[in-house]
N, C-alpha and C. Protein backbone atom coordinates (compact mmCIF):
# COMPACT_ATOMS: atom_id res chain seq x y z
N MET A 1 99.38 131.59 109.01
CA MET A 1 100.25 130.98 110.00
C MET A 1 100.39 129.50 109.70
N LEU A 2 101.59 129.00 109.73
CA LEU A 2 101.88 127.61 109.38
C LEU A 2 101.21 126.62 110.33
N ARG A 3 101.01 127.00 111.59
CA ARG A 3 100.41 126.08 112.55
C ARG A 3 99.02 125.62 112.11
N SER A 4 98.21 126.52 111.63
CA SER A 4 96.86 126.14 111.20
C SER A 4 96.91 125.19 110.00
N GLN A 5 97.86 125.40 109.11
CA GLN A 5 98.00 124.50 107.96
C GLN A 5 98.45 123.11 108.40
N LEU A 6 99.33 123.03 109.39
CA LEU A 6 99.78 121.73 109.89
C LEU A 6 98.65 120.98 110.59
N VAL A 7 97.83 121.72 111.34
CA VAL A 7 96.66 121.09 111.97
C VAL A 7 95.72 120.57 110.89
N MET A 8 95.49 121.38 109.85
CA MET A 8 94.62 120.93 108.76
C MET A 8 95.21 119.72 108.06
N LEU A 9 96.52 119.70 107.87
CA LEU A 9 97.16 118.55 107.24
C LEU A 9 96.91 117.29 108.06
N ALA A 10 97.03 117.38 109.38
CA ALA A 10 96.77 116.22 110.24
C ALA A 10 95.33 115.75 110.11
N ILE A 11 94.40 116.69 110.08
CA ILE A 11 92.98 116.33 109.92
C ILE A 11 92.75 115.68 108.56
N LEU A 12 93.35 116.24 107.52
CA LEU A 12 93.17 115.68 106.17
C LEU A 12 93.81 114.31 106.03
N LEU A 13 94.90 114.06 106.75
CA LEU A 13 95.48 112.71 106.75
C LEU A 13 94.53 111.71 107.39
N ALA A 14 93.85 112.12 108.46
CA ALA A 14 92.85 111.24 109.07
C ALA A 14 91.71 110.98 108.08
N TRP A 15 91.26 112.04 107.39
CA TRP A 15 90.25 111.88 106.35
C TRP A 15 90.75 110.92 105.27
N GLY A 16 92.01 111.12 104.85
CA GLY A 16 92.58 110.28 103.80
C GLY A 16 92.58 108.81 104.16
N TRP A 17 92.99 108.50 105.38
CA TRP A 17 93.00 107.10 105.82
C TRP A 17 91.59 106.53 105.82
N SER A 18 90.64 107.30 106.35
CA SER A 18 89.26 106.83 106.41
C SER A 18 88.68 106.60 105.02
N VAL A 19 88.88 107.56 104.14
CA VAL A 19 88.35 107.44 102.77
C VAL A 19 89.03 106.29 102.04
N MET A 20 90.34 106.17 102.19
CA MET A 20 91.08 105.11 101.49
C MET A 20 90.60 103.73 101.91
N THR A 21 90.47 103.49 103.21
CA THR A 21 90.09 102.14 103.65
C THR A 21 88.68 101.78 103.19
N VAL A 22 87.77 102.75 103.24
CA VAL A 22 86.39 102.47 102.84
C VAL A 22 86.28 102.28 101.33
N THR A 23 86.87 103.19 100.54
CA THR A 23 86.74 103.05 99.08
C THR A 23 87.47 101.81 98.58
N HIS A 24 88.59 101.47 99.18
CA HIS A 24 89.33 100.27 98.78
C HIS A 24 88.48 99.02 99.04
N GLU A 25 87.95 98.91 100.24
CA GLU A 25 87.19 97.70 100.57
C GLU A 25 85.87 97.64 99.80
N LEU A 26 85.20 98.78 99.66
CA LEU A 26 83.97 98.78 98.87
C LEU A 26 84.26 98.52 97.39
N GLY A 27 85.48 98.80 96.95
CA GLY A 27 85.89 98.42 95.60
C GLY A 27 85.88 96.91 95.43
N HIS A 28 86.41 96.20 96.43
CA HIS A 28 86.35 94.73 96.39
C HIS A 28 84.89 94.26 96.34
N VAL A 29 84.06 94.88 97.16
CA VAL A 29 82.64 94.51 97.21
C VAL A 29 81.99 94.76 95.86
N ALA A 30 82.22 95.92 95.26
CA ALA A 30 81.64 96.24 93.95
C ALA A 30 82.09 95.24 92.90
N GLY A 31 83.38 94.89 92.91
CA GLY A 31 83.90 93.93 91.95
C GLY A 31 83.24 92.57 92.08
N ALA A 32 83.04 92.13 93.31
CA ALA A 32 82.41 90.82 93.54
C ALA A 32 80.92 90.86 93.19
N LEU A 33 80.23 91.90 93.64
CA LEU A 33 78.79 92.00 93.37
C LEU A 33 78.51 92.12 91.87
N ALA A 34 79.37 92.80 91.14
CA ALA A 34 79.19 92.95 89.69
C ALA A 34 79.25 91.61 88.98
N GLN A 35 79.83 90.62 89.62
CA GLN A 35 79.95 89.29 89.04
C GLN A 35 78.91 88.32 89.60
N GLY A 36 78.01 88.81 90.44
CA GLY A 36 76.96 87.97 90.98
C GLY A 36 77.28 87.30 92.30
N ALA A 37 78.41 87.61 92.90
CA ALA A 37 78.75 87.04 94.21
C ALA A 37 77.92 87.72 95.29
N GLN A 38 77.88 87.11 96.45
CA GLN A 38 77.18 87.68 97.60
C GLN A 38 78.20 87.96 98.70
N VAL A 39 77.96 89.02 99.44
CA VAL A 39 78.86 89.37 100.54
C VAL A 39 78.56 88.45 101.72
N ALA A 40 79.55 87.66 102.13
CA ALA A 40 79.41 86.79 103.30
C ALA A 40 79.73 87.57 104.57
N SER A 41 80.75 88.42 104.52
CA SER A 41 81.07 89.29 105.66
C SER A 41 81.80 90.52 105.15
N LEU A 42 81.56 91.61 105.85
CA LEU A 42 82.20 92.88 105.49
C LEU A 42 82.58 93.59 106.77
N GLN A 43 83.85 93.90 106.92
CA GLN A 43 84.36 94.60 108.10
C GLN A 43 84.81 95.99 107.68
N LEU A 44 84.08 97.01 108.13
CA LEU A 44 84.44 98.39 107.80
C LEU A 44 84.63 99.25 109.05
N ALA A 45 84.71 98.64 110.23
CA ALA A 45 84.90 99.42 111.45
C ALA A 45 86.17 100.26 111.31
N PRO A 46 86.11 101.54 111.70
CA PRO A 46 87.24 102.43 111.45
C PRO A 46 88.49 102.11 112.25
N TRP A 47 88.39 101.35 113.30
CA TRP A 47 89.56 101.08 114.14
C TRP A 47 90.15 99.71 113.88
N GLN A 48 89.72 99.07 112.79
CA GLN A 48 90.27 97.78 112.39
C GLN A 48 90.56 97.83 110.89
N LEU A 49 91.46 96.97 110.45
CA LEU A 49 91.68 96.90 109.00
C LEU A 49 90.46 96.27 108.35
N PRO A 50 89.96 96.87 107.29
CA PRO A 50 88.76 96.33 106.65
C PRO A 50 89.06 95.03 105.92
N ASN A 51 88.03 94.22 105.80
CA ASN A 51 88.14 93.01 104.98
C ASN A 51 86.75 92.57 104.57
N SER A 52 86.70 91.72 103.56
CA SER A 52 85.42 91.23 103.06
C SER A 52 85.60 89.81 102.55
N LEU A 53 84.55 89.03 102.71
CA LEU A 53 84.51 87.66 102.20
C LEU A 53 83.25 87.50 101.38
N PHE A 54 83.31 86.63 100.37
CA PHE A 54 82.21 86.51 99.42
C PHE A 54 81.81 85.06 99.22
N ASN A 55 80.53 84.85 98.94
CA ASN A 55 80.00 83.54 98.55
C ASN A 55 79.61 83.62 97.08
N GLY A 56 79.66 82.47 96.43
CA GLY A 56 79.25 82.42 95.03
C GLY A 56 80.44 82.54 94.10
N GLN A 57 80.17 82.24 92.84
CA GLN A 57 81.23 82.28 91.83
C GLN A 57 81.58 83.72 91.47
N HIS A 58 82.85 84.00 91.47
CA HIS A 58 83.34 85.29 90.99
C HIS A 58 84.80 85.12 90.62
N ASN A 59 85.22 85.91 89.65
CA ASN A 59 86.61 85.89 89.23
C ASN A 59 87.42 86.61 90.30
N GLU A 60 88.27 85.86 90.98
CA GLU A 60 89.03 86.42 92.10
C GLU A 60 89.90 87.60 91.67
N LEU A 61 90.45 87.54 90.46
CA LEU A 61 91.30 88.63 89.99
C LEU A 61 90.52 89.94 89.86
N ILE A 62 89.31 89.85 89.33
CA ILE A 62 88.48 91.06 89.19
C ILE A 62 88.16 91.62 90.57
N THR A 63 87.75 90.74 91.47
CA THR A 63 87.42 91.17 92.83
C THR A 63 88.63 91.80 93.52
N LEU A 64 89.79 91.16 93.41
CA LEU A 64 90.99 91.66 94.07
C LEU A 64 91.46 92.99 93.48
N TRP A 65 91.51 93.10 92.16
CA TRP A 65 91.98 94.34 91.53
C TRP A 65 90.99 95.49 91.74
N SER A 66 89.71 95.17 91.92
CA SER A 66 88.70 96.22 92.11
C SER A 66 88.97 97.05 93.36
N GLY A 67 89.54 96.46 94.39
CA GLY A 67 89.82 97.20 95.63
C GLY A 67 90.75 98.38 95.41
N PRO A 68 91.99 98.14 95.00
CA PRO A 68 92.89 99.28 94.83
C PRO A 68 92.51 100.20 93.66
N LEU A 69 91.94 99.64 92.60
CA LEU A 69 91.59 100.50 91.46
C LEU A 69 90.43 101.43 91.78
N ILE A 70 89.36 100.88 92.33
CA ILE A 70 88.22 101.72 92.72
C ILE A 70 88.61 102.61 93.90
N GLY A 71 89.47 102.07 94.78
CA GLY A 71 89.96 102.85 95.92
C GLY A 71 90.77 104.06 95.50
N CYS A 72 91.28 104.07 94.28
CA CYS A 72 91.97 105.25 93.73
C CYS A 72 91.03 106.07 92.86
N LEU A 73 90.27 105.41 91.99
CA LEU A 73 89.47 106.13 91.00
C LEU A 73 88.34 106.95 91.61
N VAL A 74 87.67 106.44 92.63
CA VAL A 74 86.58 107.21 93.24
C VAL A 74 87.10 108.51 93.87
N PRO A 75 88.14 108.46 94.70
CA PRO A 75 88.66 109.73 95.23
C PRO A 75 89.19 110.68 94.14
N ILE A 76 89.82 110.12 93.09
CA ILE A 76 90.30 110.97 91.99
C ILE A 76 89.12 111.66 91.31
N LEU A 77 88.04 110.92 91.07
CA LEU A 77 86.85 111.50 90.44
C LEU A 77 86.25 112.60 91.31
N VAL A 78 86.15 112.35 92.61
CA VAL A 78 85.61 113.37 93.52
C VAL A 78 86.51 114.60 93.52
N ALA A 79 87.83 114.40 93.51
CA ALA A 79 88.77 115.53 93.48
C ALA A 79 88.64 116.31 92.17
N ALA A 80 88.44 115.61 91.07
CA ALA A 80 88.29 116.29 89.78
C ALA A 80 87.03 117.14 89.75
N ILE A 81 85.99 116.65 90.39
CA ILE A 81 84.73 117.42 90.44
C ILE A 81 84.85 118.58 91.42
N ALA A 82 85.41 118.32 92.60
CA ALA A 82 85.48 119.35 93.65
C ALA A 82 86.51 120.43 93.33
N ARG A 83 87.62 120.05 92.72
CA ARG A 83 88.68 120.99 92.34
C ARG A 83 89.10 121.87 93.51
N HIS A 84 89.43 121.22 94.63
CA HIS A 84 89.86 121.92 95.84
C HIS A 84 91.10 121.22 96.38
N THR A 85 92.05 122.00 96.86
CA THR A 85 93.31 121.45 97.36
C THR A 85 93.09 120.38 98.42
N TRP A 86 92.18 120.63 99.34
CA TRP A 86 91.98 119.67 100.43
C TRP A 86 91.46 118.34 99.91
N VAL A 87 90.52 118.39 98.99
CA VAL A 87 89.96 117.15 98.43
C VAL A 87 91.02 116.44 97.59
N SER A 88 91.80 117.20 96.85
CA SER A 88 92.88 116.61 96.05
C SER A 88 93.94 115.97 96.94
N LEU A 89 94.22 116.58 98.09
CA LEU A 89 95.19 116.00 99.02
C LEU A 89 94.70 114.65 99.52
N VAL A 90 93.43 114.56 99.87
CA VAL A 90 92.86 113.28 100.32
C VAL A 90 92.92 112.25 99.19
N ALA A 91 92.58 112.65 97.98
CA ALA A 91 92.62 111.72 96.84
C ALA A 91 94.04 111.26 96.56
N ALA A 92 95.00 112.18 96.62
CA ALA A 92 96.40 111.81 96.40
C ALA A 92 96.87 110.84 97.48
N PHE A 93 96.44 111.07 98.72
CA PHE A 93 96.77 110.14 99.80
C PHE A 93 96.24 108.75 99.48
N CYS A 94 95.00 108.68 98.96
CA CYS A 94 94.41 107.38 98.62
C CYS A 94 95.24 106.66 97.56
N VAL A 95 95.74 107.39 96.58
CA VAL A 95 96.55 106.77 95.52
C VAL A 95 97.86 106.25 96.08
N VAL A 96 98.57 107.08 96.84
CA VAL A 96 99.86 106.64 97.38
C VAL A 96 99.67 105.52 98.40
N ALA A 97 98.59 105.57 99.18
CA ALA A 97 98.35 104.52 100.17
C ALA A 97 98.00 103.19 99.50
N ASN A 98 97.18 103.21 98.46
CA ASN A 98 96.86 101.97 97.75
C ASN A 98 98.10 101.38 97.09
N GLY A 99 98.91 102.22 96.47
CA GLY A 99 100.14 101.74 95.85
C GLY A 99 101.10 101.18 96.88
N SER A 100 101.26 101.88 97.99
CA SER A 100 102.16 101.42 99.05
C SER A 100 101.67 100.11 99.66
N TYR A 101 100.36 99.99 99.81
CA TYR A 101 99.78 98.76 100.34
C TYR A 101 100.09 97.57 99.42
N LEU A 102 99.95 97.79 98.11
CA LEU A 102 100.28 96.71 97.17
C LEU A 102 101.77 96.38 97.22
N LEU A 103 102.62 97.39 97.34
CA LEU A 103 104.06 97.14 97.45
C LEU A 103 104.40 96.38 98.73
N LEU A 104 103.79 96.79 99.82
CA LEU A 104 104.01 96.11 101.10
C LEU A 104 103.64 94.64 100.99
N GLY A 105 102.49 94.37 100.42
CA GLY A 105 102.06 92.99 100.24
C GLY A 105 102.97 92.20 99.33
N TYR A 106 103.44 92.85 98.28
CA TYR A 106 104.33 92.18 97.33
C TYR A 106 105.61 91.73 98.02
N PHE A 107 106.20 92.59 98.81
CA PHE A 107 107.48 92.27 99.44
C PHE A 107 107.34 91.48 100.74
N SER A 108 106.20 91.60 101.43
CA SER A 108 106.05 90.89 102.70
C SER A 108 105.63 89.44 102.49
N GLY A 109 104.85 89.18 101.44
CA GLY A 109 104.37 87.83 101.21
C GLY A 109 103.26 87.41 102.17
N ASP A 110 102.72 88.34 102.94
CA ASP A 110 101.64 88.03 103.88
C ASP A 110 100.44 87.47 103.11
N ALA A 111 99.99 86.31 103.50
CA ALA A 111 98.94 85.60 102.76
C ALA A 111 97.61 86.35 102.72
N PHE A 112 97.38 87.26 103.65
CA PHE A 112 96.09 87.94 103.71
C PHE A 112 96.05 89.26 102.95
N LEU A 113 97.19 89.72 102.45
CA LEU A 113 97.22 90.99 101.74
C LEU A 113 96.89 90.80 100.26
N ASP A 114 96.37 91.84 99.65
CA ASP A 114 95.90 91.76 98.26
C ASP A 114 96.98 91.31 97.29
N SER A 115 98.19 91.82 97.42
CA SER A 115 99.25 91.48 96.45
C SER A 115 99.53 89.99 96.44
N THR A 116 99.64 89.40 97.60
CA THR A 116 99.91 87.96 97.68
C THR A 116 98.76 87.18 97.06
N GLN A 117 97.54 87.62 97.33
CA GLN A 117 96.38 86.94 96.75
C GLN A 117 96.32 87.14 95.24
N LEU A 118 96.70 88.33 94.77
CA LEU A 118 96.75 88.58 93.32
C LEU A 118 97.76 87.65 92.65
N LEU A 119 98.92 87.50 93.25
CA LEU A 119 99.95 86.61 92.70
C LEU A 119 99.46 85.16 92.70
N ARG A 120 98.85 84.75 93.80
CA ARG A 120 98.34 83.38 93.91
C ARG A 120 97.23 83.12 92.89
N ALA A 121 96.45 84.16 92.56
CA ALA A 121 95.34 84.00 91.61
C ALA A 121 95.81 84.08 90.16
N GLY A 122 97.09 84.37 89.94
CA GLY A 122 97.60 84.32 88.58
C GLY A 122 98.12 85.62 87.98
N THR A 123 98.06 86.71 88.70
CA THR A 123 98.62 87.96 88.18
C THR A 123 100.14 87.83 88.13
N PRO A 124 100.76 88.16 87.00
CA PRO A 124 102.23 88.09 86.93
C PRO A 124 102.89 89.04 87.93
N ASP A 125 104.02 88.62 88.47
CA ASP A 125 104.77 89.45 89.43
C ASP A 125 105.00 90.86 88.90
N TRP A 126 105.46 90.94 87.64
CA TRP A 126 105.82 92.24 87.08
C TRP A 126 104.62 93.18 87.03
N HIS A 127 103.43 92.61 86.82
CA HIS A 127 102.22 93.43 86.74
C HIS A 127 101.91 94.06 88.10
N VAL A 128 101.94 93.24 89.15
CA VAL A 128 101.68 93.77 90.50
C VAL A 128 102.72 94.82 90.85
N LEU A 129 103.97 94.52 90.56
CA LEU A 129 105.06 95.44 90.89
C LEU A 129 104.94 96.74 90.09
N MET A 130 104.65 96.64 88.79
CA MET A 130 104.53 97.83 87.95
C MET A 130 103.38 98.73 88.42
N VAL A 131 102.22 98.14 88.63
CA VAL A 131 101.06 98.93 89.04
C VAL A 131 101.30 99.57 90.41
N SER A 132 101.83 98.80 91.34
CA SER A 132 102.04 99.34 92.68
C SER A 132 103.09 100.45 92.70
N VAL A 133 104.16 100.29 91.94
CA VAL A 133 105.19 101.34 91.88
C VAL A 133 104.62 102.59 91.21
N MET A 134 103.89 102.42 90.11
CA MET A 134 103.30 103.58 89.43
C MET A 134 102.33 104.32 90.35
N MET A 135 101.47 103.58 91.03
CA MET A 135 100.51 104.22 91.94
C MET A 135 101.24 104.96 93.06
N THR A 136 102.26 104.33 93.61
CA THR A 136 102.99 104.94 94.72
C THR A 136 103.71 106.20 94.27
N VAL A 137 104.41 106.14 93.15
CA VAL A 137 105.18 107.30 92.68
C VAL A 137 104.25 108.44 92.26
N ILE A 138 103.26 108.13 91.44
CA ILE A 138 102.33 109.17 90.99
C ILE A 138 101.58 109.76 92.18
N GLY A 139 101.12 108.88 93.06
CA GLY A 139 100.42 109.35 94.26
C GLY A 139 101.29 110.22 95.13
N TYR A 140 102.55 109.82 95.31
CA TYR A 140 103.47 110.60 96.14
C TYR A 140 103.71 111.98 95.54
N LEU A 141 103.97 112.05 94.24
CA LEU A 141 104.23 113.34 93.60
C LEU A 141 103.01 114.26 93.70
N TRP A 142 101.83 113.70 93.49
CA TRP A 142 100.60 114.47 93.60
C TRP A 142 100.37 114.92 95.05
N PHE A 143 100.57 113.99 95.99
CA PHE A 143 100.39 114.29 97.41
C PHE A 143 101.35 115.40 97.85
N ARG A 144 102.60 115.29 97.43
CA ARG A 144 103.60 116.29 97.80
C ARG A 144 103.21 117.68 97.28
N ARG A 145 102.71 117.72 96.05
CA ARG A 145 102.28 119.00 95.47
C ARG A 145 101.10 119.58 96.24
N GLN A 146 100.16 118.72 96.64
CA GLN A 146 99.00 119.20 97.39
C GLN A 146 99.41 119.67 98.79
N CYS A 147 100.33 118.96 99.42
CA CYS A 147 100.85 119.39 100.73
C CYS A 147 101.52 120.75 100.62
N ALA A 148 102.33 120.93 99.58
CA ALA A 148 103.01 122.22 99.38
C ALA A 148 101.99 123.34 99.19
N ALA A 149 100.93 123.06 98.43
CA ALA A 149 99.89 124.08 98.21
C ALA A 149 99.20 124.42 99.53
N LEU A 150 98.92 123.42 100.33
CA LEU A 150 98.26 123.65 101.62
C LEU A 150 99.17 124.43 102.56
N LEU A 151 100.42 123.99 102.67
CA LEU A 151 101.34 124.59 103.65
C LEU A 151 101.82 125.98 103.24
N SER A 152 101.80 126.29 101.96
CA SER A 152 102.24 127.62 101.52
C SER A 152 101.07 128.58 101.34
N GLY A 153 99.86 128.09 101.55
CA GLY A 153 98.68 128.93 101.38
C GLY A 153 98.41 129.79 102.60
N PRO A 154 97.31 130.50 102.56
CA PRO A 154 96.97 131.38 103.68
C PRO A 154 96.59 130.57 104.93
N ALA A 155 96.65 131.23 106.06
CA ALA A 155 96.25 130.58 107.32
C ALA A 155 94.80 130.12 107.21
N ILE A 156 94.52 129.04 107.90
CA ILE A 156 93.18 128.45 107.84
C ILE A 156 92.42 128.89 109.09
N GLN A 157 91.23 129.39 108.88
CA GLN A 157 90.41 129.89 109.99
C GLN A 157 90.09 128.75 110.95
N ARG A 158 90.06 129.10 112.23
CA ARG A 158 89.81 128.10 113.28
C ARG A 158 88.47 127.40 113.08
N ASN A 159 87.43 128.13 112.68
CA ASN A 159 86.13 127.49 112.49
C ASN A 159 86.18 126.45 111.36
N MET A 160 87.01 126.68 110.34
CA MET A 160 87.15 125.71 109.26
C MET A 160 87.89 124.46 109.74
N LEU A 161 88.88 124.66 110.61
CA LEU A 161 89.57 123.50 111.21
C LEU A 161 88.58 122.65 112.00
N TRP A 162 87.78 123.32 112.83
CA TRP A 162 86.81 122.58 113.64
C TRP A 162 85.77 121.89 112.76
N LEU A 163 85.29 122.58 111.76
CA LEU A 163 84.29 122.00 110.86
C LEU A 163 84.84 120.76 110.16
N THR A 164 86.07 120.82 109.69
CA THR A 164 86.69 119.68 109.01
C THR A 164 86.91 118.53 109.98
N PHE A 165 87.34 118.85 111.20
CA PHE A 165 87.57 117.82 112.22
C PHE A 165 86.25 117.18 112.64
N VAL A 166 85.24 117.98 112.90
CA VAL A 166 83.93 117.45 113.30
C VAL A 166 83.32 116.64 112.16
N GLY A 167 83.53 117.07 110.92
CA GLY A 167 83.07 116.27 109.78
C GLY A 167 83.71 114.90 109.76
N TRP A 168 85.02 114.85 110.04
CA TRP A 168 85.71 113.56 110.09
C TRP A 168 85.17 112.71 111.24
N LEU A 169 84.95 113.32 112.41
CA LEU A 169 84.37 112.57 113.53
C LEU A 169 83.00 112.01 113.16
N GLY A 170 82.21 112.80 112.44
CA GLY A 170 80.90 112.32 111.98
C GLY A 170 81.04 111.13 111.04
N TRP A 171 82.01 111.21 110.14
CA TRP A 171 82.28 110.10 109.22
C TRP A 171 82.64 108.84 110.02
N VAL A 172 83.53 108.98 110.99
CA VAL A 172 83.96 107.84 111.81
C VAL A 172 82.79 107.29 112.61
N ALA A 173 81.96 108.17 113.17
CA ALA A 173 80.79 107.72 113.92
C ALA A 173 79.83 106.95 113.02
N MET A 174 79.58 107.48 111.82
CA MET A 174 78.69 106.79 110.88
C MET A 174 79.28 105.43 110.49
N GLN A 175 80.57 105.41 110.22
CA GLN A 175 81.24 104.16 109.85
C GLN A 175 81.15 103.15 111.00
N THR A 176 81.29 103.62 112.23
CA THR A 176 81.20 102.75 113.40
C THR A 176 79.79 102.19 113.54
N LEU A 177 78.78 103.04 113.38
CA LEU A 177 77.39 102.59 113.49
C LEU A 177 77.05 101.57 112.41
N ILE A 178 77.51 101.81 111.20
CA ILE A 178 77.23 100.88 110.11
C ILE A 178 77.93 99.55 110.35
N ALA A 179 79.12 99.59 110.94
CA ALA A 179 79.92 98.38 111.14
C ALA A 179 79.40 97.52 112.28
N THR A 180 78.57 98.07 113.17
CA THR A 180 78.09 97.27 114.30
C THR A 180 76.73 96.70 114.06
């Protein structure tokens, strides 16, 4: 029945947003820590946009690029290992969301978004635009294929819907506890 697949799609989109924001921001953290910087503040609360600030010397370009790159690569790696439509859908969402975020920042010029900071730190315009368009297009095509597989597949059992939803609530609860 299509209704169960649509409910699962909604749950997986919530998972996708949660995974994308955490892996993206922890990507920035990993990039900075790998260079010897220290985390001055880290905001990962699920109901706010994440952000991080660092103390110490670090190459801003490495730190900035680490967010969207790790925010895509970690979910892709998990999807490659899991080899399941649902996990691939979440990973594809992460790719299209990171690419769209970079595009949004590129065109909005908002000083707090990664794209604007990347440009200010010396990344050529064409590089930001090329990477963000590639991520968005590839992510969208992959996401669309995973959605089609989910929606054309067999009905999803109610207990699996609940388990996936409760798992997401657990993730959000853990993220909230860690953030406070």
